[in-house]
């Protein structure tokens, strides 16, 4: 019985040690994004402490959409390795129906603006595989905001 108790205690210790050594996905994503920023010499800004980074190449007009706006955009979406998974020209989207990373990032620019969003997986598709996008993928979008209402 004593060996059973010691064995069970050792098992519990191993389980808790392995759990505590596992990094949360957001920390893994942030490391990936920061490496991408460094490797590509980007001057990116983080939205708060969200792990979502952006680079505004053209700010656009003074009026900005909200997270509830309908926007007309050109965009290219790709994975951290450069694989393009989506590209649209002059497409109309309702921001509330897009991934949360878009709802956070697109309102940072005005009409005529351009932004690069580096989105951690939790603000993209998270643990869900979406078409050719693997689960827990960092997403990168180059977005041109044509207009909004």
Protein backbone atom coordinates (compact mmCIF):
# COMPACT_ATOMS: atom_id res chain seq x y z
CA UNK A 1 0.00 0.00 0.00
CA UNK A 2 2.86 2.36 0.88
CA UNK A 3 4.40 1.79 -2.59
CA UNK A 4 1.04 2.55 -4.19
CA UNK A 5 0.77 5.87 -2.31
CA UNK A 6 4.37 6.82 -3.20
CA UNK A 7 3.80 5.83 -6.83
CA UNK A 8 0.60 7.85 -7.02
CA UNK A 9 2.34 10.86 -5.41
CA UNK A 10 5.17 10.60 -7.95
CA UNK A 11 2.64 10.39 -10.79
CA UNK A 12 0.82 13.53 -9.57
CA UNK A 13 4.16 15.39 -9.24
CA UNK A 14 5.14 14.49 -12.81
CA UNK A 15 1.74 15.60 -14.15
CA UNK A 16 1.87 18.98 -12.37
CA UNK A 17 5.49 19.53 -13.43
CA UNK A 18 4.69 18.87 -17.08
CA UNK A 19 1.63 21.12 -16.97
CA UNK A 20 3.54 24.00 -15.39
CA UNK A 21 6.31 23.72 -18.01
CA UNK A 22 3.89 24.13 -20.90
CA UNK A 23 3.73 27.69 -22.20
CA UNK A 24 0.32 29.17 -22.88
CA UNK A 25 -0.41 29.48 -26.62
CA UNK A 26 -0.48 33.29 -26.43
CA UNK A 27 3.15 33.28 -25.19
CA UNK A 28 4.18 30.96 -28.03
CA UNK A 29 2.39 33.17 -30.55
CA UNK A 30 4.01 36.31 -29.16
CA UNK A 31 7.47 34.76 -29.53
CA UNK A 32 6.69 33.83 -33.14
CA UNK A 33 5.38 37.33 -33.90
CA UNK A 34 8.35 39.08 -32.25
CA UNK A 35 10.77 36.91 -34.25
CA UNK A 36 8.90 37.76 -37.46
CA UNK A 37 9.06 41.48 -36.59
CA UNK A 38 12.80 41.24 -35.92
CA UNK A 39 13.56 39.10 -38.99
CA UNK A 40 11.66 41.52 -41.24
CA UNK A 41 12.93 44.77 -39.64
CA UNK A 42 9.41 45.96 -38.89
CA UNK A 43 8.60 48.82 -36.56
CA UNK A 44 5.45 47.30 -35.07
CA UNK A 45 3.26 48.41 -32.18
CA UNK A 46 1.34 46.13 -29.84
CA UNK A 47 -2.30 46.83 -29.00
CA UNK A 48 -2.08 47.02 -25.21
CA UNK A 49 -0.75 43.68 -23.97
CA UNK A 50 -2.89 41.65 -26.38
CA UNK A 51 -0.02 40.16 -28.38
CA UNK A 52 -1.57 41.63 -31.55
CA UNK A 53 0.95 43.82 -33.36
CA UNK A 54 0.42 46.19 -36.25
CA UNK A 55 2.31 48.38 -38.69
CA UNK A 56 0.49 51.30 -40.27
CA UNK A 57 2.06 52.10 -43.63
CA UNK A 58 -0.58 54.70 -44.53
CA UNK A 59 -2.90 56.14 -41.84
CA UNK A 60 -5.71 57.16 -44.19
CA UNK A 61 -8.35 59.77 -43.40
CA UNK A 62 -9.20 61.17 -39.99
CA UNK A 63 -12.50 59.25 -39.71
CA UNK A 64 -12.05 55.63 -38.61
CA UNK A 65 -14.41 52.65 -38.67
CA UNK A 66 -15.55 50.99 -35.46
CA UNK A 67 -15.56 47.29 -34.66
CA UNK A 68 -19.21 47.34 -35.86
CA UNK A 69 -18.63 48.99 -39.26
CA UNK A 70 -19.02 47.49 -42.70
CA UNK A 71 -15.75 47.93 -44.57
CA UNK A 72 -14.63 47.62 -48.16
CA UNK A 73 -11.05 46.39 -48.31
CA UNK A 74 -8.30 44.81 -50.34
CA UNK A 75 -6.45 42.22 -48.30
CA UNK A 76 -3.93 39.42 -48.40
CA UNK A 77 -3.82 36.90 -45.56
CA UNK A 78 -0.85 34.64 -45.01
CA UNK A 79 0.79 32.39 -42.48
CA UNK A 80 4.07 33.19 -40.74
CA UNK A 81 5.92 31.04 -43.32
CA UNK A 82 4.58 33.21 -46.16
CA UNK A 83 1.89 30.81 -47.40
CA UNK A 84 -1.01 32.89 -48.73
CA UNK A 85 -4.39 31.55 -47.60
CA UNK A 86 -6.62 34.38 -48.79
CA UNK A 87 -6.57 37.36 -51.12
CA UNK A 88 -9.48 39.61 -52.03
CA UNK A 89 -9.78 42.88 -53.92
CA UNK A 90 -12.57 45.33 -53.22
CA UNK A 91 -14.53 43.04 -50.93
CA UNK A 92 -17.17 44.24 -48.48
CA UNK A 93 -17.11 42.76 -44.96
CA UNK A 94 -19.06 43.38 -41.78
CA UNK A 95 -16.36 43.68 -39.09
CA UNK A 96 -18.51 41.95 -36.41
CA UNK A 97 -18.49 38.87 -38.65
CA UNK A 98 -14.70 38.82 -39.04
CA UNK A 99 -12.07 37.42 -36.70
CA UNK A 100 -11.49 39.44 -33.54
CA UNK A 101 -8.02 40.49 -34.74
CA UNK A 102 -9.64 42.43 -37.59
CA UNK A 103 -12.14 44.04 -35.19
CA UNK A 104 -9.19 45.24 -33.09
CA UNK A 105 -6.90 46.30 -35.93
CA UNK A 106 -8.91 47.71 -38.83
CA UNK A 107 -10.32 50.65 -36.78
CA UNK A 108 -6.74 51.91 -36.35
CA UNK A 109 -6.76 53.32 -39.90
CA UNK A 110 -9.05 55.62 -41.86
CA UNK A 111 -10.33 55.43 -45.42
CA UNK A 112 -7.41 55.10 -47.82
CA UNK A 113 -5.22 53.65 -45.06
CA UNK A 114 -3.05 50.53 -45.10
CA UNK A 115 -2.12 48.30 -42.19
CA UNK A 116 -0.29 45.04 -41.54
CA UNK A 117 -1.81 43.00 -38.70
CA UNK A 118 0.17 40.26 -36.93
CA UNK A 119 -2.56 38.34 -35.15
CA UNK A 120 -2.02 35.72 -32.42
CA UNK A 121 -4.08 32.58 -32.85
CA UNK A 122 -6.56 33.43 -30.08
CA UNK A 123 -7.71 36.46 -32.11
CA UNK A 124 -7.78 34.43 -35.33
CA UNK A 125 -9.14 30.90 -35.55
CA UNK A 126 -7.65 29.62 -32.27
CA UNK A 127 -7.64 25.87 -31.87
CA UNK A 128 -9.84 25.35 -34.93
CA UNK A 129 -8.33 24.28 -38.26
CA UNK A 130 -9.89 26.50 -40.93
CA UNK A 131 -9.39 25.20 -44.47
CA UNK A 132 -5.64 25.32 -45.16
CA UNK A 133 -4.97 27.24 -41.93
CA UNK A 134 -3.65 24.94 -39.19
CA UNK A 135 -5.00 25.31 -35.66
CA UNK A 136 -3.09 27.72 -33.37
CA UNK A 137 -1.75 29.68 -36.36
CA UNK A 138 -0.43 33.22 -36.17
CA UNK A 139 -2.09 35.13 -39.02
CA UNK A 140 -0.70 38.08 -40.97
CA UNK A 141 -2.92 40.39 -42.99
CA UNK A 142 -2.02 43.27 -45.28
CA UNK A 143 -5.17 45.39 -45.47
CA UNK A 144 -6.07 48.46 -47.52
CA UNK A 145 -9.21 50.18 -46.24
CA UNK A 146 -11.07 51.57 -49.24
CA UNK A 147 -14.17 52.82 -47.42
CA UNK A 148 -16.50 52.09 -44.52
CA UNK A 149 -19.97 52.87 -43.22
